[in-house]
Amino acid sequence: MPNPEPPGDTGRGADHAAAVLDARYGRSRSSAKRTRWIGIATAAAFTIVFVAWAIWGGLIGAPDAQFTAVDARHTVVDETTVEVTWEFTAPPGTPARCAVQALNSTFAIVGWKEVDVPASTRINRVLTERVLTTERAVTGLIYRCWLT
């Protein structure tokens, strides 16, 4: 029995077979151009959104609302008290509130106090607050500050 020709081989060659497969699966020159333009449009849209976000967040953002609170030191006074000192920087006339916490050796919160920071004419201040604890603390930190 003679060997039959492989299916799909009509004697037109590999180029024709590749062209048939490309047409079947949408791999034509026009689809490649369309895909390229979609990629370019997506990249351009992303760039526009990113630049707008950077300008809005960096240049238009209100500088009055910017402040920092940085831990300076802590002193364990006794078994139930820790003293926390921090540096507070804010524009003049900006009142705030800060949460001060005390932690034990397993980093559990054993003391917590919210402190009102009144508005001042000074930009930089060093503040100290005593925090009562439920057990001996090993550290005291500023948890967070927010504008009031």
N, C-alpha and C. Protein backbone atom coordinates (compact mmCIF):
# COMPACT_ATOMS: atom_id res chain seq x y z
N MET A 1 0.85 -1.16 0.00
CA MET A 1 0.00 0.00 0.00
C MET A 1 0.90 1.23 0.00
N PRO A 2 0.62 2.16 -0.90
CA PRO A 2 1.47 3.35 -0.99
C PRO A 2 1.21 4.30 0.19
N ASN A 3 2.24 5.08 0.53
CA ASN A 3 2.11 6.07 1.61
C ASN A 3 1.30 7.26 1.12
N PRO A 4 0.23 7.57 1.84
CA PRO A 4 -0.55 8.75 1.44
C PRO A 4 0.19 10.03 1.84
N GLU A 5 -0.17 11.11 1.20
CA GLU A 5 0.43 12.40 1.55
C GLU A 5 -0.10 12.84 2.91
N PRO A 6 0.75 13.54 3.66
CA PRO A 6 0.28 14.01 4.96
C PRO A 6 -0.91 14.95 4.78
N PRO A 7 -1.85 14.93 5.75
CA PRO A 7 -3.01 15.81 5.62
C PRO A 7 -2.59 17.28 5.59
N GLY A 8 -3.26 18.07 4.81
CA GLY A 8 -3.01 19.49 4.72
C GLY A 8 -1.89 19.84 3.77
N ASP A 9 -1.17 18.88 3.27
CA ASP A 9 -0.08 19.18 2.34
C ASP A 9 -0.64 19.07 0.94
N THR A 10 -0.90 20.19 0.33
CA THR A 10 -1.48 20.20 -1.01
C THR A 10 -0.45 20.55 -2.05
N GLY A 11 0.80 20.55 -1.64
CA GLY A 11 1.86 20.81 -2.58
C GLY A 11 2.14 22.29 -2.75
N ARG A 12 1.55 23.12 -1.94
CA ARG A 12 1.75 24.57 -2.08
C ARG A 12 2.95 25.05 -1.26
N GLY A 13 3.44 24.28 -0.34
CA GLY A 13 4.63 24.66 0.38
C GLY A 13 4.35 25.13 1.79
N ALA A 14 5.43 25.30 2.54
CA ALA A 14 5.35 25.68 3.95
C ALA A 14 4.87 27.12 4.11
N ASP A 15 5.19 28.00 3.16
CA ASP A 15 4.76 29.39 3.26
C ASP A 15 3.24 29.50 3.22
N HIS A 16 2.63 28.70 2.36
CA HIS A 16 1.17 28.73 2.27
C HIS A 16 0.54 28.20 3.56
N ALA A 17 1.10 27.15 4.12
CA ALA A 17 0.58 26.58 5.36
C ALA A 17 0.70 27.60 6.49
N ALA A 18 1.82 28.31 6.55
CA ALA A 18 2.00 29.33 7.58
C ALA A 18 1.01 30.47 7.38
N ALA A 19 0.75 30.84 6.13
CA ALA A 19 -0.21 31.92 5.85
C ALA A 19 -1.62 31.50 6.25
N VAL A 20 -1.97 30.24 6.01
CA VAL A 20 -3.30 29.75 6.39
C VAL A 20 -3.45 29.76 7.91
N LEU A 21 -2.43 29.31 8.62
CA LEU A 21 -2.48 29.31 10.09
C LEU A 21 -2.52 30.74 10.64
N ASP A 22 -1.73 31.63 10.04
CA ASP A 22 -1.74 33.02 10.49
C ASP A 22 -3.12 33.64 10.30
N ALA A 23 -3.76 33.38 9.20
CA ALA A 23 -5.09 33.93 8.96
C ALA A 23 -6.10 33.31 9.92
N ARG A 24 -5.97 32.02 10.18
CA ARG A 24 -6.91 31.35 11.08
C ARG A 24 -6.83 31.92 12.50
N TYR A 25 -5.62 32.20 12.98
CA TYR A 25 -5.43 32.64 14.37
C TYR A 25 -5.22 34.14 14.51
N GLY A 26 -5.48 34.90 13.48
CA GLY A 26 -5.45 36.36 13.58
C GLY A 26 -4.07 36.95 13.62
N ARG A 27 -3.11 36.26 13.03
CA ARG A 27 -1.74 36.77 13.03
C ARG A 27 -1.40 37.35 11.67
N SER A 28 -2.06 38.45 11.35
CA SER A 28 -1.79 39.09 10.07
C SER A 28 -1.03 40.38 10.32
N ARG A 29 -0.61 41.01 9.24
CA ARG A 29 0.12 42.27 9.39
C ARG A 29 -0.77 43.34 10.02
N SER A 30 -2.04 43.36 9.65
CA SER A 30 -2.93 44.37 10.21
C SER A 30 -3.16 44.14 11.71
N SER A 31 -3.25 42.89 12.14
CA SER A 31 -3.43 42.63 13.57
C SER A 31 -2.17 42.97 14.35
N ALA A 32 -1.00 42.77 13.76
CA ALA A 32 0.25 43.14 14.42
C ALA A 32 0.33 44.66 14.58
N LYS A 33 -0.09 45.40 13.55
CA LYS A 33 -0.10 46.86 13.64
C LYS A 33 -1.10 47.32 14.70
N ARG A 34 -2.27 46.69 14.72
CA ARG A 34 -3.31 47.04 15.69
C ARG A 34 -2.79 46.78 17.11
N THR A 35 -2.15 45.66 17.33
CA THR A 35 -1.60 45.33 18.65
C THR A 35 -0.53 46.34 19.05
N ARG A 36 0.31 46.73 18.12
CA ARG A 36 1.35 47.71 18.40
C ARG A 36 0.72 49.06 18.79
N TRP A 37 -0.30 49.49 18.06
CA TRP A 37 -0.96 50.78 18.37
C TRP A 37 -1.69 50.73 19.71
N ILE A 38 -2.27 49.60 20.03
CA ILE A 38 -2.92 49.46 21.34
C ILE A 38 -1.88 49.57 22.46
N GLY A 39 -0.73 48.95 22.28
CA GLY A 39 0.34 49.05 23.26
C GLY A 39 0.85 50.47 23.42
N ILE A 40 1.02 51.17 22.30
CA ILE A 40 1.48 52.56 22.35
C ILE A 40 0.45 53.44 23.04
N ALA A 41 -0.83 53.26 22.71
CA ALA A 41 -1.90 54.05 23.33
C ALA A 41 -1.98 53.78 24.83
N THR A 42 -1.84 52.52 25.23
CA THR A 42 -1.87 52.18 26.65
C THR A 42 -0.69 52.82 27.39
N ALA A 43 0.49 52.75 26.81
CA ALA A 43 1.67 53.36 27.43
C ALA A 43 1.51 54.88 27.53
N ALA A 44 0.96 55.50 26.50
CA ALA A 44 0.75 56.95 26.53
C ALA A 44 -0.27 57.32 27.60
N ALA A 45 -1.35 56.56 27.70
CA ALA A 45 -2.37 56.84 28.73
C ALA A 45 -1.78 56.67 30.12
N PHE A 46 -1.01 55.63 30.34
CA PHE A 46 -0.37 55.42 31.63
C PHE A 46 0.56 56.58 31.97
N THR A 47 1.35 57.02 30.98
CA THR A 47 2.28 58.13 31.20
C THR A 47 1.53 59.41 31.56
N ILE A 48 0.44 59.70 30.86
CA ILE A 48 -0.35 60.90 31.14
C ILE A 48 -0.92 60.83 32.55
N VAL A 49 -1.48 59.70 32.94
CA VAL A 49 -2.05 59.56 34.28
C VAL A 49 -0.96 59.69 35.33
N PHE A 50 0.19 59.08 35.12
CA PHE A 50 1.28 59.16 36.09
C PHE A 50 1.79 60.59 36.25
N VAL A 51 1.98 61.29 35.16
CA VAL A 51 2.46 62.68 35.22
C VAL A 51 1.43 63.56 35.93
N ALA A 52 0.16 63.38 35.61
CA ALA A 52 -0.90 64.16 36.28
C ALA A 52 -0.90 63.88 37.78
N TRP A 53 -0.76 62.61 38.17
CA TRP A 53 -0.73 62.25 39.59
C TRP A 53 0.48 62.87 40.28
N ALA A 54 1.65 62.83 39.63
CA ALA A 54 2.86 63.39 40.22
C ALA A 54 2.72 64.90 40.41
N ILE A 55 2.16 65.58 39.43
CA ILE A 55 1.97 67.03 39.55
C ILE A 55 0.96 67.34 40.64
N TRP A 56 -0.14 66.62 40.66
CA TRP A 56 -1.18 66.86 41.67
C TRP A 56 -0.65 66.59 43.07
N GLY A 57 0.07 65.50 43.25
CA GLY A 57 0.56 65.13 44.57
C GLY A 57 1.77 65.93 45.02
N GLY A 58 2.64 66.30 44.11
CA GLY A 58 3.86 66.97 44.49
C GLY A 58 3.82 68.48 44.45
N LEU A 59 3.20 69.03 43.44
CA LEU A 59 3.24 70.46 43.28
C LEU A 59 2.01 71.17 43.84
N ILE A 60 0.87 70.53 43.73
CA ILE A 60 -0.37 71.17 44.16
C ILE A 60 -0.69 70.83 45.61
N GLY A 61 -0.08 69.77 46.15
CA GLY A 61 -0.36 69.36 47.52
C GLY A 61 -0.14 70.50 48.50
N ALA A 62 -0.99 70.58 49.51
CA ALA A 62 -0.93 71.68 50.46
C ALA A 62 0.28 71.54 51.38
N PRO A 63 1.23 72.47 51.32
CA PRO A 63 2.39 72.37 52.21
C PRO A 63 2.03 72.64 53.66
N ASP A 64 0.89 73.29 53.92
CA ASP A 64 0.47 73.57 55.29
C ASP A 64 0.17 72.29 56.06
N ALA A 65 -0.22 71.25 55.37
CA ALA A 65 -0.64 70.02 56.04
C ALA A 65 0.52 69.07 56.29
N GLN A 66 1.73 69.47 55.98
CA GLN A 66 2.86 68.57 56.14
C GLN A 66 3.53 68.77 57.50
N PHE A 67 3.73 67.67 58.19
CA PHE A 67 4.39 67.73 59.49
C PHE A 67 5.08 66.39 59.73
N THR A 68 6.00 66.38 60.70
CA THR A 68 6.69 65.14 61.05
C THR A 68 6.78 65.01 62.56
N ALA A 69 6.82 63.80 63.00
CA ALA A 69 7.05 63.47 64.40
C ALA A 69 8.07 62.34 64.43
N VAL A 70 9.21 62.58 65.05
CA VAL A 70 10.31 61.60 65.05
C VAL A 70 10.69 61.30 66.50
N ASP A 71 10.80 60.00 66.81
CA ASP A 71 11.23 59.58 68.15
C ASP A 71 12.63 60.11 68.42
N ALA A 72 12.82 60.64 69.63
CA ALA A 72 14.14 61.12 70.02
C ALA A 72 14.75 60.19 71.07
N ARG A 73 13.98 59.90 72.13
CA ARG A 73 14.49 59.00 73.18
C ARG A 73 13.33 58.57 74.07
N HIS A 74 13.61 57.61 74.90
CA HIS A 74 12.65 57.19 75.92
C HIS A 74 13.42 56.89 77.21
N THR A 75 12.71 57.03 78.33
CA THR A 75 13.30 56.73 79.63
C THR A 75 12.30 55.91 80.41
N VAL A 76 12.72 54.72 80.84
CA VAL A 76 11.86 53.90 81.69
C VAL A 76 12.01 54.45 83.11
N VAL A 77 10.95 55.06 83.62
CA VAL A 77 11.00 55.70 84.93
C VAL A 77 10.90 54.66 86.04
N ASP A 78 9.89 53.78 85.94
CA ASP A 78 9.72 52.70 86.92
C ASP A 78 8.89 51.60 86.27
N GLU A 79 8.38 50.69 87.08
CA GLU A 79 7.63 49.54 86.56
C GLU A 79 6.36 49.93 85.81
N THR A 80 5.82 51.11 86.08
CA THR A 80 4.53 51.49 85.49
C THR A 80 4.56 52.81 84.73
N THR A 81 5.75 53.31 84.43
CA THR A 81 5.84 54.60 83.75
C THR A 81 7.03 54.63 82.80
N VAL A 82 6.78 55.19 81.62
CA VAL A 82 7.86 55.44 80.67
C VAL A 82 7.68 56.88 80.16
N GLU A 83 8.79 57.53 79.93
CA GLU A 83 8.78 58.91 79.45
C GLU A 83 9.28 58.91 78.01
N VAL A 84 8.49 59.47 77.09
CA VAL A 84 8.82 59.47 75.66
C VAL A 84 9.07 60.90 75.22
N THR A 85 10.17 61.09 74.51
CA THR A 85 10.51 62.40 73.96
C THR A 85 10.57 62.29 72.45
N TRP A 86 9.97 63.26 71.78
CA TRP A 86 9.97 63.25 70.32
C TRP A 86 10.11 64.67 69.78
N GLU A 87 10.58 64.75 68.53
CA GLU A 87 10.73 66.02 67.84
C GLU A 87 9.53 66.19 66.92
N PHE A 88 8.84 67.30 67.07
CA PHE A 88 7.64 67.57 66.28
C PHE A 88 7.90 68.79 65.40
N THR A 89 7.71 68.63 64.10
CA THR A 89 7.92 69.71 63.14
C THR A 89 6.62 69.94 62.39
N ALA A 90 6.13 71.18 62.44
CA ALA A 90 4.89 71.54 61.76
C ALA A 90 4.90 73.02 61.44
N PRO A 91 4.15 73.44 60.43
CA PRO A 91 4.06 74.86 60.14
C PRO A 91 3.48 75.61 61.34
N PRO A 92 3.87 76.86 61.53
CA PRO A 92 3.33 77.63 62.65
C PRO A 92 1.80 77.69 62.61
N GLY A 93 1.20 77.60 63.78
CA GLY A 93 -0.26 77.68 63.88
C GLY A 93 -0.99 76.39 63.56
N THR A 94 -0.28 75.26 63.53
CA THR A 94 -0.88 73.98 63.20
C THR A 94 -1.06 73.14 64.45
N PRO A 95 -2.31 72.93 64.92
CA PRO A 95 -2.52 72.04 66.06
C PRO A 95 -2.56 70.59 65.60
N ALA A 96 -2.17 69.68 66.48
CA ALA A 96 -2.16 68.26 66.13
C ALA A 96 -2.44 67.43 67.37
N ARG A 97 -2.56 66.16 67.15
CA ARG A 97 -2.70 65.19 68.23
C ARG A 97 -1.79 64.02 67.89
N CYS A 98 -1.08 63.52 68.91
CA CYS A 98 -0.15 62.41 68.71
C CYS A 98 -0.50 61.27 69.65
N ALA A 99 -0.35 60.05 69.17
CA ALA A 99 -0.52 58.85 69.98
C ALA A 99 0.86 58.36 70.38
N VAL A 100 1.07 58.23 71.68
CA VAL A 100 2.35 57.78 72.24
C VAL A 100 2.11 56.39 72.82
N GLN A 101 3.02 55.45 72.55
CA GLN A 101 2.82 54.08 73.04
C GLN A 101 4.06 53.59 73.77
N ALA A 102 3.83 52.66 74.68
CA ALA A 102 4.90 51.99 75.40
C ALA A 102 4.80 50.50 75.07
N LEU A 103 5.94 49.86 74.83
CA LEU A 103 5.97 48.45 74.45
C LEU A 103 6.79 47.66 75.45
N ASN A 104 6.40 46.38 75.64
CA ASN A 104 7.18 45.51 76.51
C ASN A 104 8.20 44.73 75.69
N SER A 105 8.87 43.76 76.29
CA SER A 105 9.94 43.03 75.61
C SER A 105 9.44 42.15 74.46
N THR A 106 8.14 41.85 74.42
CA THR A 106 7.59 41.07 73.31
C THR A 106 6.89 41.97 72.30
N PHE A 107 7.12 43.28 72.38
CA PHE A 107 6.56 44.29 71.50
C PHE A 107 5.05 44.43 71.61
N ALA A 108 4.50 44.02 72.73
CA ALA A 108 3.08 44.23 73.00
C ALA A 108 2.90 45.63 73.57
N ILE A 109 1.79 46.26 73.23
CA ILE A 109 1.52 47.60 73.75
C ILE A 109 1.07 47.46 75.20
N VAL A 110 1.82 48.11 76.11
CA VAL A 110 1.49 48.06 77.53
C VAL A 110 1.11 49.44 78.06
N GLY A 111 1.18 50.46 77.20
CA GLY A 111 0.77 51.80 77.58
C GLY A 111 0.43 52.60 76.35
N TRP A 112 -0.57 53.49 76.48
CA TRP A 112 -1.04 54.27 75.33
C TRP A 112 -1.58 55.60 75.84
N LYS A 113 -1.23 56.67 75.13
CA LYS A 113 -1.74 57.98 75.52
C LYS A 113 -1.82 58.86 74.28
N GLU A 114 -2.95 59.55 74.14
CA GLU A 114 -3.09 60.53 73.06
C GLU A 114 -2.84 61.90 73.64
N VAL A 115 -1.97 62.66 72.98
CA VAL A 115 -1.52 63.94 73.48
C VAL A 115 -1.90 65.04 72.49
N ASP A 116 -2.55 66.10 72.97
CA ASP A 116 -2.83 67.25 72.13
C ASP A 116 -1.58 68.11 72.03
N VAL A 117 -1.20 68.45 70.81
CA VAL A 117 -0.06 69.33 70.57
C VAL A 117 -0.64 70.65 70.10
N PRO A 118 -0.62 71.68 70.96
CA PRO A 118 -1.25 72.94 70.59
C PRO A 118 -0.48 73.65 69.49
N ALA A 119 -1.18 74.54 68.80
CA ALA A 119 -0.53 75.35 67.77
C ALA A 119 0.55 76.21 68.41
N SER A 120 1.58 76.50 67.66
CA SER A 120 2.69 77.28 68.17
C SER A 120 3.24 78.16 67.07
N THR A 121 4.00 79.17 67.44
CA THR A 121 4.66 80.00 66.44
C THR A 121 5.97 79.38 65.98
N ARG A 122 6.45 78.37 66.71
CA ARG A 122 7.70 77.69 66.37
C ARG A 122 7.42 76.55 65.41
N ILE A 123 8.36 76.30 64.53
CA ILE A 123 8.23 75.20 63.56
C ILE A 123 8.68 73.89 64.20
N ASN A 124 9.82 73.89 64.86
CA ASN A 124 10.39 72.68 65.47
C ASN A 124 10.23 72.76 66.99
N ARG A 125 9.77 71.64 67.56
CA ARG A 125 9.64 71.56 69.01
C ARG A 125 10.06 70.18 69.48
N VAL A 126 10.54 70.11 70.70
CA VAL A 126 10.85 68.84 71.35
C VAL A 126 9.82 68.68 72.47
N LEU A 127 9.07 67.57 72.41
CA LEU A 127 8.00 67.33 73.37
C LEU A 127 8.29 66.06 74.16
N THR A 128 7.88 66.05 75.41
CA THR A 128 8.05 64.89 76.28
C THR A 128 6.73 64.59 76.96
N GLU A 129 6.39 63.31 77.06
CA GLU A 129 5.14 62.90 77.69
C GLU A 129 5.37 61.63 78.50
N ARG A 130 4.74 61.58 79.69
CA ARG A 130 4.79 60.36 80.52
C ARG A 130 3.60 59.48 80.15
N VAL A 131 3.89 58.19 80.01
CA VAL A 131 2.85 57.21 79.68
C VAL A 131 2.80 56.18 80.79
N LEU A 132 1.63 55.97 81.35
CA LEU A 132 1.44 54.93 82.36
C LEU A 132 1.33 53.58 81.67
N THR A 133 1.90 52.54 82.28
CA THR A 133 1.92 51.21 81.66
C THR A 133 1.31 50.17 82.59
N THR A 134 0.89 49.06 82.01
CA THR A 134 0.32 47.97 82.79
C THR A 134 1.39 47.03 83.32
N GLU A 135 2.59 47.06 82.71
CA GLU A 135 3.74 46.30 83.17
C GLU A 135 4.99 47.03 82.72
N ARG A 136 6.13 46.53 83.07
CA ARG A 136 7.38 47.23 82.75
C ARG A 136 7.55 47.34 81.23
N ALA A 137 7.77 48.55 80.77
CA ALA A 137 8.01 48.80 79.34
C ALA A 137 9.51 48.78 79.07
N VAL A 138 9.87 48.42 77.86
CA VAL A 138 11.26 48.46 77.46
C VAL A 138 11.52 49.59 76.46
N THR A 139 10.46 50.16 75.92
CA THR A 139 10.61 51.27 74.98
C THR A 139 9.34 52.11 74.96
N GLY A 140 9.49 53.32 74.48
CA GLY A 140 8.37 54.22 74.26
C GLY A 140 8.54 54.89 72.92
N LEU A 141 7.45 54.99 72.15
CA LEU A 141 7.52 55.49 70.78
C LEU A 141 6.33 56.37 70.44
N ILE A 142 6.51 57.19 69.42
CA ILE A 142 5.38 57.89 68.81
C ILE A 142 4.77 56.90 67.84
N TYR A 143 3.46 56.66 67.98
CA TYR A 143 2.80 55.74 67.05
C TYR A 143 2.38 56.49 65.79
N ARG A 144 1.67 57.61 65.97
CA ARG A 144 1.18 58.37 64.83
C ARG A 144 0.74 59.75 65.31
N CYS A 145 0.83 60.75 64.43
CA CYS A 145 0.29 62.08 64.70
C CYS A 145 -0.64 62.47 63.56
N TRP A 146 -1.62 63.30 63.87
CA TRP A 146 -2.56 63.77 62.86
C TRP A 146 -2.99 65.19 63.20
N LEU A 147 -3.42 65.91 62.17
CA LEU A 147 -3.84 67.29 62.36
C LEU A 147 -5.21 67.33 63.00
N THR A 148 -5.43 68.33 63.85
CA THR A 148 -6.75 68.47 64.47
C THR A 148 -7.38 69.79 64.08
